[in-house]
Amino acid sequence: MRRLHKNSIAILGLSVFFLTGCQKYYLSLTDQKVDVNSLASTYVGSPDKRQHSPPLGQLVVMDWRIPRFILPEGPFIELFVLYGNYTEKKFTFPIDKRMGYVVYKNLNEEFVDNKGIISYRADIKLADGQIYKSWTHQLWVNLISVDEDEEVIHSEFKDIAINEELDLPSLNQEEENDSSFTD
């Protein structure tokens, strides 16, 4: 009887641990640095042409698990990447399996040009635009963009203000006022 009671408690404990600790469906992202240390030949000592010009950059690995009923709805991953040069790009990856992974590579010239990845976020979306799952890096921020049209409008108003006669003191009037204080 005692043995049955101990086994029941053990099974109940394991069930609680496994059933509450993991999500059944998920989207997960991780980033990895790529350099000479990511080459196996660095540790094994085997000849490798890439040792002379090793890759440089970052990878973002996205893995997912979705239910069967989502697949016919045309799911895809929408990845937003924020780079070190304060630009943002959007990438789309189709999902054709319940479980899988895809890798976004930011390597070599592209990595140098955009100064690396600062942050990223991703959504699993359905064909109708509905978001099924989301994942956001802890440093993600929405960029505030200034439209060139707004700058043109502001500069036009500035030109108008300069060209129109306004009741603003001129430089000469200010000089006269300043000289009156010194007398």
N, C-alpha and C. Protein backbone atom coordinates (compact mmCIF):
# COMPACT_ATOMS: atom_id res chain seq x y z
N MET A 1 0.82 -1.19 0.00
CA MET A 1 0.00 0.00 0.00
C MET A 1 0.87 1.26 0.00
N ARG A 2 1.92 1.27 0.84
CA ARG A 2 2.82 2.41 0.90
C ARG A 2 3.51 2.64 -0.44
N ARG A 3 3.88 1.54 -1.07
CA ARG A 3 4.59 1.62 -2.33
C ARG A 3 3.69 2.24 -3.40
N LEU A 4 2.43 1.87 -3.42
CA LEU A 4 1.47 2.42 -4.38
C LEU A 4 1.28 3.92 -4.12
N HIS A 5 1.24 4.31 -2.85
CA HIS A 5 1.07 5.71 -2.48
C HIS A 5 2.28 6.54 -2.94
N LYS A 6 3.50 6.05 -2.75
CA LYS A 6 4.71 6.75 -3.17
C LYS A 6 4.75 6.89 -4.70
N ASN A 7 4.39 5.83 -5.41
CA ASN A 7 4.36 5.89 -6.87
C ASN A 7 3.33 6.90 -7.37
N SER A 8 2.19 6.95 -6.71
CA SER A 8 1.14 7.90 -7.11
C SER A 8 1.61 9.33 -6.93
N ILE A 9 2.29 9.60 -5.82
CA ILE A 9 2.81 10.94 -5.56
C ILE A 9 3.88 11.30 -6.60
N ALA A 10 4.74 10.37 -6.92
CA ALA A 10 5.79 10.61 -7.90
C ALA A 10 5.18 10.89 -9.28
N ILE A 11 4.19 10.10 -9.68
CA ILE A 11 3.54 10.31 -10.97
C ILE A 11 2.81 11.66 -10.99
N LEU A 12 2.14 11.98 -9.93
CA LEU A 12 1.44 13.26 -9.84
C LEU A 12 2.43 14.43 -9.92
N GLY A 13 3.53 14.32 -9.21
CA GLY A 13 4.55 15.38 -9.24
C GLY A 13 5.15 15.56 -10.62
N LEU A 14 5.51 14.47 -11.29
CA LEU A 14 6.05 14.55 -12.64
C LEU A 14 5.03 15.09 -13.63
N SER A 15 3.78 14.69 -13.46
CA SER A 15 2.73 15.19 -14.35
C SER A 15 2.57 16.71 -14.21
N VAL A 16 2.55 17.19 -12.98
CA VAL A 16 2.43 18.63 -12.75
C VAL A 16 3.63 19.36 -13.36
N PHE A 17 4.81 18.81 -13.18
CA PHE A 17 6.03 19.44 -13.73
C PHE A 17 5.99 19.52 -15.25
N PHE A 18 5.68 18.41 -15.90
CA PHE A 18 5.72 18.38 -17.36
C PHE A 18 4.52 19.06 -18.01
N LEU A 19 3.37 19.01 -17.38
CA LEU A 19 2.18 19.59 -18.01
C LEU A 19 2.08 21.10 -17.81
N THR A 20 2.70 21.64 -16.79
CA THR A 20 2.60 23.08 -16.55
C THR A 20 3.87 23.84 -16.92
N GLY A 21 4.96 23.16 -17.08
CA GLY A 21 6.23 23.84 -17.30
C GLY A 21 6.54 24.20 -18.74
N CYS A 22 5.89 23.59 -19.69
CA CYS A 22 6.22 23.82 -21.10
C CYS A 22 4.98 24.27 -21.86
N GLN A 23 5.21 25.10 -22.84
CA GLN A 23 4.12 25.48 -23.72
C GLN A 23 4.01 24.46 -24.83
N LYS A 24 2.80 24.14 -25.18
CA LYS A 24 2.59 23.17 -26.24
C LYS A 24 2.90 23.78 -27.61
N TYR A 25 2.50 25.05 -27.81
CA TYR A 25 2.74 25.75 -29.06
C TYR A 25 3.51 27.02 -28.75
N TYR A 26 4.49 27.34 -29.59
CA TYR A 26 5.36 28.47 -29.26
C TYR A 26 6.05 29.04 -30.49
N LEU A 27 6.63 30.20 -30.30
CA LEU A 27 7.57 30.83 -31.23
C LEU A 27 8.73 31.28 -30.36
N SER A 28 9.93 30.91 -30.74
CA SER A 28 11.11 31.26 -29.95
C SER A 28 12.21 31.77 -30.87
N LEU A 29 12.91 32.82 -30.42
CA LEU A 29 14.01 33.39 -31.20
C LEU A 29 15.26 33.46 -30.34
N THR A 30 16.40 33.20 -30.96
CA THR A 30 17.70 33.37 -30.30
C THR A 30 18.66 33.95 -31.33
N ASP A 31 19.66 34.66 -30.83
CA ASP A 31 20.67 35.18 -31.74
C ASP A 31 22.02 34.56 -31.39
N GLN A 32 22.86 34.43 -32.40
CA GLN A 32 24.18 33.83 -32.21
C GLN A 32 25.21 34.67 -32.94
N LYS A 33 26.34 34.86 -32.29
CA LYS A 33 27.46 35.58 -32.88
C LYS A 33 28.21 34.63 -33.82
N VAL A 34 28.64 35.15 -34.96
CA VAL A 34 29.40 34.35 -35.92
C VAL A 34 30.76 35.01 -36.12
N ASP A 35 31.81 34.25 -35.84
CA ASP A 35 33.19 34.71 -36.06
C ASP A 35 34.09 33.49 -36.18
N VAL A 36 35.38 33.66 -36.06
CA VAL A 36 36.31 32.55 -36.22
C VAL A 36 36.04 31.45 -35.19
N ASN A 37 35.52 31.82 -34.03
CA ASN A 37 35.24 30.82 -32.98
C ASN A 37 34.04 29.94 -33.31
N SER A 38 33.25 30.31 -34.30
CA SER A 38 32.11 29.47 -34.68
C SER A 38 32.50 28.40 -35.71
N LEU A 39 33.75 28.41 -36.15
CA LEU A 39 34.24 27.39 -37.07
C LEU A 39 34.76 26.19 -36.29
N ALA A 40 34.32 25.00 -36.67
CA ALA A 40 34.78 23.78 -35.99
C ALA A 40 36.29 23.62 -36.12
N SER A 41 36.86 24.06 -37.24
CA SER A 41 38.30 23.90 -37.46
C SER A 41 39.13 24.69 -36.45
N THR A 42 38.54 25.68 -35.82
CA THR A 42 39.24 26.44 -34.79
C THR A 42 39.59 25.53 -33.60
N TYR A 43 38.70 24.62 -33.28
CA TYR A 43 38.89 23.75 -32.11
C TYR A 43 39.55 22.43 -32.45
N VAL A 44 39.32 21.95 -33.66
CA VAL A 44 39.86 20.66 -34.07
C VAL A 44 41.27 20.79 -34.62
N GLY A 45 41.55 21.94 -35.23
CA GLY A 45 42.86 22.16 -35.82
C GLY A 45 42.99 21.62 -37.22
N SER A 46 41.85 21.34 -37.86
CA SER A 46 41.89 20.83 -39.23
C SER A 46 42.09 21.98 -40.21
N PRO A 47 42.63 21.70 -41.38
CA PRO A 47 42.81 22.77 -42.37
C PRO A 47 41.45 23.30 -42.83
N ASP A 48 41.36 24.62 -42.94
CA ASP A 48 40.12 25.26 -43.34
C ASP A 48 40.45 26.58 -44.00
N LYS A 49 40.03 26.75 -45.25
CA LYS A 49 40.29 27.99 -45.97
C LYS A 49 39.65 29.19 -45.27
N ARG A 50 38.55 28.95 -44.58
CA ARG A 50 37.83 30.05 -43.94
C ARG A 50 38.57 30.62 -42.73
N GLN A 51 39.59 29.93 -42.24
CA GLN A 51 40.38 30.45 -41.13
C GLN A 51 41.11 31.73 -41.51
N HIS A 52 41.47 31.87 -42.79
CA HIS A 52 42.19 33.06 -43.26
C HIS A 52 41.25 34.25 -43.43
N SER A 53 40.01 33.98 -43.75
CA SER A 53 38.99 35.03 -43.91
C SER A 53 37.70 34.51 -43.28
N PRO A 54 37.63 34.50 -41.94
CA PRO A 54 36.48 33.90 -41.26
C PRO A 54 35.21 34.73 -41.44
N PRO A 55 34.05 34.09 -41.34
CA PRO A 55 32.80 34.83 -41.41
C PRO A 55 32.66 35.74 -40.19
N LEU A 56 31.93 36.82 -40.38
CA LEU A 56 31.71 37.77 -39.30
C LEU A 56 30.26 38.21 -39.35
N GLY A 57 29.56 38.12 -38.23
CA GLY A 57 28.18 38.57 -38.22
C GLY A 57 27.36 37.97 -37.11
N GLN A 58 26.06 37.89 -37.39
CA GLN A 58 25.10 37.38 -36.42
C GLN A 58 24.03 36.56 -37.14
N LEU A 59 23.46 35.62 -36.41
CA LEU A 59 22.34 34.82 -36.87
C LEU A 59 21.17 35.03 -35.93
N VAL A 60 19.96 35.02 -36.46
CA VAL A 60 18.76 34.97 -35.64
C VAL A 60 18.06 33.67 -36.01
N VAL A 61 17.93 32.78 -35.02
CA VAL A 61 17.30 31.48 -35.24
C VAL A 61 15.89 31.53 -34.69
N MET A 62 14.92 31.24 -35.54
CA MET A 62 13.51 31.24 -35.15
C MET A 62 13.02 29.80 -35.20
N ASP A 63 12.46 29.33 -34.11
CA ASP A 63 11.86 27.99 -34.16
C ASP A 63 10.45 28.07 -33.60
N TRP A 64 9.59 27.18 -34.09
CA TRP A 64 8.18 27.24 -33.75
C TRP A 64 7.57 25.86 -33.67
N ARG A 65 6.42 25.86 -33.04
CA ARG A 65 5.54 24.69 -33.02
C ARG A 65 4.13 25.24 -33.00
N ILE A 66 3.33 24.83 -34.00
CA ILE A 66 1.97 25.32 -34.12
C ILE A 66 1.01 24.13 -34.26
N PRO A 67 -0.26 24.32 -33.94
CA PRO A 67 -1.22 23.21 -34.08
C PRO A 67 -1.55 22.94 -35.56
N ARG A 68 -2.06 21.76 -35.82
CA ARG A 68 -2.38 21.33 -37.19
C ARG A 68 -3.41 22.25 -37.85
N PHE A 69 -4.39 22.71 -37.10
CA PHE A 69 -5.47 23.49 -37.71
C PHE A 69 -5.00 24.86 -38.21
N ILE A 70 -3.80 25.30 -37.84
CA ILE A 70 -3.27 26.58 -38.30
C ILE A 70 -2.66 26.45 -39.70
N LEU A 71 -2.10 25.30 -40.04
CA LEU A 71 -1.40 25.12 -41.32
C LEU A 71 -2.25 25.48 -42.55
N PRO A 72 -3.51 25.08 -42.64
CA PRO A 72 -4.29 25.45 -43.82
C PRO A 72 -4.57 26.96 -43.93
N GLU A 73 -4.34 27.71 -42.88
CA GLU A 73 -4.61 29.15 -42.87
C GLU A 73 -3.43 29.99 -43.37
N GLY A 74 -2.40 29.32 -43.92
CA GLY A 74 -1.27 30.02 -44.55
C GLY A 74 -0.39 30.79 -43.59
N PRO A 75 0.11 30.16 -42.52
CA PRO A 75 0.94 30.90 -41.56
C PRO A 75 2.31 31.27 -42.13
N PHE A 76 2.85 32.35 -41.61
CA PHE A 76 4.20 32.77 -41.98
C PHE A 76 4.78 33.56 -40.82
N ILE A 77 6.12 33.65 -40.80
CA ILE A 77 6.80 34.42 -39.76
C ILE A 77 7.19 35.76 -40.36
N GLU A 78 6.86 36.81 -39.64
CA GLU A 78 7.27 38.15 -40.02
C GLU A 78 8.32 38.59 -38.99
N LEU A 79 9.56 38.76 -39.45
CA LEU A 79 10.69 39.13 -38.59
C LEU A 79 11.02 40.60 -38.82
N PHE A 80 11.11 41.36 -37.75
CA PHE A 80 11.53 42.76 -37.80
C PHE A 80 12.89 42.86 -37.12
N VAL A 81 13.87 43.44 -37.82
CA VAL A 81 15.23 43.53 -37.30
C VAL A 81 15.61 44.99 -37.19
N LEU A 82 16.14 45.38 -36.02
CA LEU A 82 16.64 46.73 -35.78
C LEU A 82 18.16 46.65 -35.77
N TYR A 83 18.80 47.41 -36.67
CA TYR A 83 20.25 47.35 -36.84
C TYR A 83 20.95 48.47 -36.07
N GLY A 84 22.27 48.34 -35.96
CA GLY A 84 23.10 49.31 -35.27
C GLY A 84 23.16 50.66 -35.96
N ASN A 85 22.84 50.73 -37.24
CA ASN A 85 22.79 52.03 -37.93
C ASN A 85 21.40 52.64 -37.85
N TYR A 86 20.58 52.13 -36.96
CA TYR A 86 19.22 52.63 -36.67
C TYR A 86 18.30 52.55 -37.87
N THR A 87 18.42 51.47 -38.61
CA THR A 87 17.47 51.17 -39.67
C THR A 87 16.73 49.90 -39.27
N GLU A 88 15.57 49.71 -39.85
CA GLU A 88 14.75 48.55 -39.55
C GLU A 88 14.34 47.89 -40.85
N LYS A 89 14.37 46.56 -40.86
CA LYS A 89 13.93 45.81 -42.04
C LYS A 89 12.96 44.72 -41.61
N LYS A 90 12.07 44.37 -42.54
CA LYS A 90 11.10 43.31 -42.30
C LYS A 90 11.38 42.17 -43.26
N PHE A 91 11.36 40.95 -42.73
CA PHE A 91 11.57 39.75 -43.53
C PHE A 91 10.40 38.80 -43.29
N THR A 92 10.04 38.04 -44.33
CA THR A 92 8.93 37.10 -44.22
C THR A 92 9.42 35.70 -44.58
N PHE A 93 9.03 34.73 -43.74
CA PHE A 93 9.41 33.33 -43.94
C PHE A 93 8.15 32.47 -43.89
N PRO A 94 7.89 31.69 -44.92
CA PRO A 94 6.69 30.84 -44.91
C PRO A 94 6.83 29.68 -43.92
N ILE A 95 5.70 29.25 -43.40
CA ILE A 95 5.67 28.08 -42.51
C ILE A 95 4.88 27.00 -43.23
N ASP A 96 5.53 25.85 -43.46
CA ASP A 96 4.83 24.76 -44.14
C ASP A 96 4.80 23.47 -43.32
N LYS A 97 5.32 23.54 -42.09
CA LYS A 97 5.31 22.38 -41.19
C LYS A 97 4.85 22.83 -39.80
N ARG A 98 4.35 21.89 -39.03
CA ARG A 98 3.91 22.21 -37.65
C ARG A 98 5.08 22.65 -36.78
N MET A 99 6.23 22.00 -36.95
CA MET A 99 7.41 22.34 -36.17
C MET A 99 8.55 22.61 -37.15
N GLY A 100 9.42 23.51 -36.77
CA GLY A 100 10.56 23.77 -37.63
C GLY A 100 11.36 24.96 -37.16
N TYR A 101 12.34 25.31 -37.96
CA TYR A 101 13.15 26.49 -37.66
C TYR A 101 13.63 27.11 -38.95
N VAL A 102 13.97 28.36 -38.88
CA VAL A 102 14.54 29.08 -40.01
C VAL A 102 15.58 30.04 -39.44
N VAL A 103 16.60 30.35 -40.24
CA VAL A 103 17.71 31.18 -39.76
C VAL A 103 17.83 32.43 -40.64
N TYR A 104 17.85 33.59 -40.01
CA TYR A 104 18.16 34.83 -40.71
C TYR A 104 19.64 35.10 -40.50
N LYS A 105 20.38 35.33 -41.59
CA LYS A 105 21.83 35.54 -41.51
C LYS A 105 22.17 36.99 -41.84
N ASN A 106 22.91 37.61 -40.97
CA ASN A 106 23.43 38.96 -41.17
C ASN A 106 24.95 38.82 -41.13
N LEU A 107 25.57 38.58 -42.28
CA LEU A 107 26.98 38.21 -42.32
C LEU A 107 27.82 39.12 -43.21
N ASN A 108 29.08 39.20 -42.87
CA ASN A 108 30.15 39.83 -43.65
C ASN A 108 29.82 41.27 -44.05
N GLU A 109 29.74 41.58 -45.35
CA GLU A 109 29.55 42.97 -45.80
C GLU A 109 28.26 43.57 -45.27
N GLU A 110 27.20 42.79 -45.30
CA GLU A 110 25.91 43.26 -44.80
C GLU A 110 26.03 43.62 -43.31
N PHE A 111 26.71 42.77 -42.55
CA PHE A 111 26.91 42.99 -41.12
C PHE A 111 27.68 44.29 -40.87
N VAL A 112 28.73 44.52 -41.64
CA VAL A 112 29.54 45.73 -41.49
C VAL A 112 28.73 46.96 -41.89
N ASP A 113 27.99 46.86 -42.99
CA ASP A 113 27.21 48.00 -43.47
C ASP A 113 26.12 48.43 -42.48
N ASN A 114 25.40 47.46 -41.91
CA ASN A 114 24.31 47.83 -41.00
C ASN A 114 24.71 47.84 -39.53
N LYS A 115 26.00 47.64 -39.26
CA LYS A 115 26.57 47.73 -37.90
C LYS A 115 25.97 46.72 -36.92
N GLY A 116 25.56 45.58 -37.41
CA GLY A 116 25.08 44.51 -36.55
C GLY A 116 23.63 44.66 -36.14
N ILE A 117 23.13 43.63 -35.49
CA ILE A 117 21.74 43.59 -35.03
C ILE A 117 21.68 44.06 -33.59
N ILE A 118 20.83 45.03 -33.32
CA ILE A 118 20.62 45.49 -31.95
C ILE A 118 19.49 44.70 -31.30
N SER A 119 18.39 44.55 -32.04
CA SER A 119 17.22 43.91 -31.48
C SER A 119 16.34 43.36 -32.60
N TYR A 120 15.34 42.55 -32.23
CA TYR A 120 14.45 41.94 -33.21
C TYR A 120 13.17 41.50 -32.55
N ARG A 121 12.16 41.32 -33.36
CA ARG A 121 10.89 40.76 -32.89
C ARG A 121 10.28 39.99 -34.04
N ALA A 122 9.38 39.06 -33.73
CA ALA A 122 8.75 38.26 -34.77
C ALA A 122 7.33 37.92 -34.40
N ASP A 123 6.51 37.74 -35.43
CA ASP A 123 5.12 37.32 -35.27
C ASP A 123 4.87 36.14 -36.19
N ILE A 124 4.07 35.18 -35.72
CA ILE A 124 3.50 34.19 -36.62
C ILE A 124 2.15 34.75 -37.00
N LYS A 125 1.99 35.02 -38.29
CA LYS A 125 0.74 35.59 -38.79
C LYS A 125 0.05 34.60 -39.71
N LEU A 126 -1.26 34.75 -39.78
CA LEU A 126 -2.05 33.95 -40.70
C LEU A 126 -2.26 34.77 -41.97
N ALA A 127 -2.74 34.12 -43.03
CA ALA A 127 -2.90 34.80 -44.32
C ALA A 127 -3.80 36.02 -44.21
N ASP A 128 -4.76 36.03 -43.29
CA ASP A 128 -5.66 37.17 -43.14
C ASP A 128 -5.07 38.30 -42.30
N GLY A 129 -3.81 38.14 -41.85
CA GLY A 129 -3.14 39.19 -41.07
C GLY A 129 -3.25 39.03 -39.57
N GLN A 130 -4.03 38.08 -39.11
CA GLN A 130 -4.20 37.85 -37.68
C GLN A 130 -2.90 37.29 -37.10
N ILE A 131 -2.50 37.81 -35.93
CA ILE A 131 -1.28 37.34 -35.25
C ILE A 131 -1.63 36.15 -34.37
N TYR A 132 -0.93 35.03 -34.59
CA TYR A 132 -1.15 33.83 -33.77
C TYR A 132 -0.22 33.82 -32.55
N LYS A 133 1.07 34.05 -32.77
CA LYS A 133 2.06 34.10 -31.68
C LYS A 133 3.02 35.23 -31.95
N SER A 134 3.58 35.81 -30.88
CA SER A 134 4.57 36.89 -31.00
C SER A 134 5.74 36.61 -30.07
N TRP A 135 6.89 37.15 -30.45
CA TRP A 135 8.08 37.08 -29.62
C TRP A 135 8.83 38.39 -29.80
N THR A 136 9.22 39.02 -28.68
CA THR A 136 9.90 40.31 -28.74
C THR A 136 11.17 40.27 -27.89
N HIS A 137 12.28 40.71 -28.47
CA HIS A 137 13.56 40.84 -27.76
C HIS A 137 13.40 41.91 -26.69
N GLN A 138 14.07 41.74 -25.57
CA GLN A 138 13.89 42.67 -24.45
C GLN A 138 14.37 44.08 -24.74
N LEU A 139 15.22 44.28 -25.75
CA LEU A 139 15.69 45.62 -26.10
C LEU A 139 14.93 46.22 -27.28
N TRP A 140 13.87 45.57 -27.73
CA TRP A 140 13.14 46.07 -28.89
C TRP A 140 12.47 47.40 -28.59
N VAL A 141 12.61 48.35 -29.50
CA VAL A 141 11.90 49.62 -29.44
C VAL A 141 11.40 49.94 -30.85
N ASN A 142 10.29 50.62 -30.93
CA ASN A 142 9.79 51.08 -32.22
C ASN A 142 10.56 52.34 -32.60
N LEU A 143 11.11 52.36 -33.80
CA LEU A 143 11.84 53.53 -34.26
C LEU A 143 10.88 54.67 -34.54
N ILE A 144 11.30 55.86 -34.20
CA ILE A 144 10.54 57.05 -34.54
C ILE A 144 11.16 57.60 -35.80
N SER A 145 10.41 57.56 -36.88
CA SER A 145 10.96 58.03 -38.14
C SER A 145 10.45 59.43 -38.45
N VAL A 146 11.33 60.22 -39.02
CA VAL A 146 10.98 61.56 -39.44
C VAL A 146 10.87 61.51 -40.96
N ASP A 147 9.68 61.83 -41.45
CA ASP A 147 9.47 61.83 -42.89
C ASP A 147 10.17 63.01 -43.52
N GLU A 148 10.72 62.78 -44.71
CA GLU A 148 11.37 63.87 -45.44
C GLU A 148 10.35 64.94 -45.80
N ASP A 149 9.09 64.54 -46.04
CA ASP A 149 8.05 65.50 -46.37
C ASP A 149 7.84 66.49 -45.23
N GLU A 150 7.88 66.00 -43.98
CA GLU A 150 7.73 66.88 -42.83
C GLU A 150 8.86 67.90 -42.78
N GLU A 151 10.08 67.46 -43.07
CA GLU A 151 11.21 68.38 -43.07
C GLU A 151 11.04 69.46 -44.13
N VAL A 152 10.54 69.07 -45.30
CA VAL A 152 10.31 70.04 -46.37
C VAL A 152 9.26 71.05 -45.93
N ILE A 153 8.18 70.59 -45.33
CA ILE A 153 7.12 71.49 -44.86
C ILE A 153 7.68 72.47 -43.84
N HIS A 154 8.45 71.97 -42.88
CA HIS A 154 9.03 72.85 -41.86
C HIS A 154 9.96 73.88 -42.48
N SER A 155 10.76 73.46 -43.46
CA SER A 155 11.68 74.41 -44.09
C SER A 155 10.90 75.44 -44.90
N GLU A 156 9.75 75.03 -45.51
CA GLU A 156 8.94 76.00 -46.24
C GLU A 156 8.35 77.03 -45.30
N PHE A 157 7.89 76.60 -44.12
CA PHE A 157 7.36 77.55 -43.14
C PHE A 157 8.46 78.49 -42.67
N LYS A 158 9.64 77.97 -42.52
CA LYS A 158 10.77 78.80 -42.10
C LYS A 158 11.05 79.87 -43.15
N ASP A 159 11.04 79.46 -44.44
CA ASP A 159 11.25 80.42 -45.52
C ASP A 159 10.15 81.47 -45.54
N ILE A 160 8.92 81.06 -45.32
CA ILE A 160 7.80 82.01 -45.31
C ILE A 160 7.98 83.02 -44.18
N ALA A 161 8.36 82.52 -42.99
CA ALA A 161 8.53 83.40 -41.85
C ALA A 161 9.66 84.39 -42.09
N ILE A 162 10.70 83.99 -42.76
CA ILE A 162 11.82 84.88 -43.02
C ILE A 162 11.44 85.92 -44.07
N ASN A 163 10.70 85.50 -45.09
CA ASN A 163 10.37 86.39 -46.18
C ASN A 163 9.25 87.37 -45.85
N GLU A 164 8.35 87.00 -44.96
CA GLU A 164 7.27 87.90 -44.60
C GLU A 164 7.74 88.89 -43.55
N GLU A 165 7.09 90.04 -43.55
CA GLU A 165 7.42 91.03 -42.53
C GLU A 165 6.64 90.68 -41.28
N LEU A 166 7.34 90.39 -40.22
CA LEU A 166 6.72 90.07 -38.95
C LEU A 166 7.09 91.13 -37.94
N ASP A 167 6.35 91.24 -36.90
CA ASP A 167 6.64 92.22 -35.86
C ASP A 167 7.71 91.69 -34.91
N LEU A 168 8.84 91.34 -35.47
CA LEU A 168 9.95 90.87 -34.67
C LEU A 168 11.01 91.95 -34.67
N PRO A 169 11.69 92.14 -33.57
CA PRO A 169 12.74 93.17 -33.55
C PRO A 169 13.88 92.78 -34.48
N SER A 170 14.40 93.74 -35.18
CA SER A 170 15.53 93.46 -36.06
C SER A 170 16.80 93.47 -35.23
N LEU A 171 17.89 93.07 -35.84
CA LEU A 171 19.18 93.05 -35.16
C LEU A 171 19.60 94.46 -34.77
N ASN A 172 19.33 95.42 -35.62
CA ASN A 172 19.71 96.80 -35.34
C ASN A 172 18.96 97.35 -34.14
N GLN A 173 17.67 97.02 -34.00
CA GLN A 173 16.89 97.49 -32.86
C GLN A 173 17.43 96.90 -31.56
N GLU A 174 17.85 95.63 -31.60
CA GLU A 174 18.40 95.00 -30.41
C GLU A 174 19.69 95.68 -29.99
N GLU A 175 20.52 96.05 -30.98
CA GLU A 175 21.78 96.71 -30.66
C GLU A 175 21.52 98.06 -30.01
N GLU A 176 20.51 98.78 -30.51
CA GLU A 176 20.17 100.07 -29.92
C GLU A 176 19.69 99.89 -28.50
N ASN A 177 18.86 98.86 -28.26
CA ASN A 177 18.36 98.61 -26.91
C ASN A 177 19.49 98.22 -25.97
N ASP A 178 20.45 97.43 -26.47
CA ASP A 178 21.57 97.02 -25.63
C ASP A 178 22.43 98.22 -25.27
N SER A 179 22.62 99.16 -26.21
CA SER A 179 23.47 100.32 -25.94
C SER A 179 22.82 101.26 -24.93
N SER A 180 21.50 101.24 -24.85
CA SER A 180 20.83 102.12 -23.90
C SER A 180 21.07 101.66 -22.47
N PHE A 181 21.32 100.37 -22.28
CA PHE A 181 21.58 99.86 -20.93
C PHE A 181 22.98 100.21 -20.47
N THR A 182 23.90 100.38 -21.38
CA THR A 182 25.29 100.67 -20.99
C THR A 182 25.51 102.15 -20.69
N ASP A 183 24.61 103.04 -21.13
CA ASP A 183 24.79 104.48 -20.90
C ASP A 183 24.58 104.85 -19.45
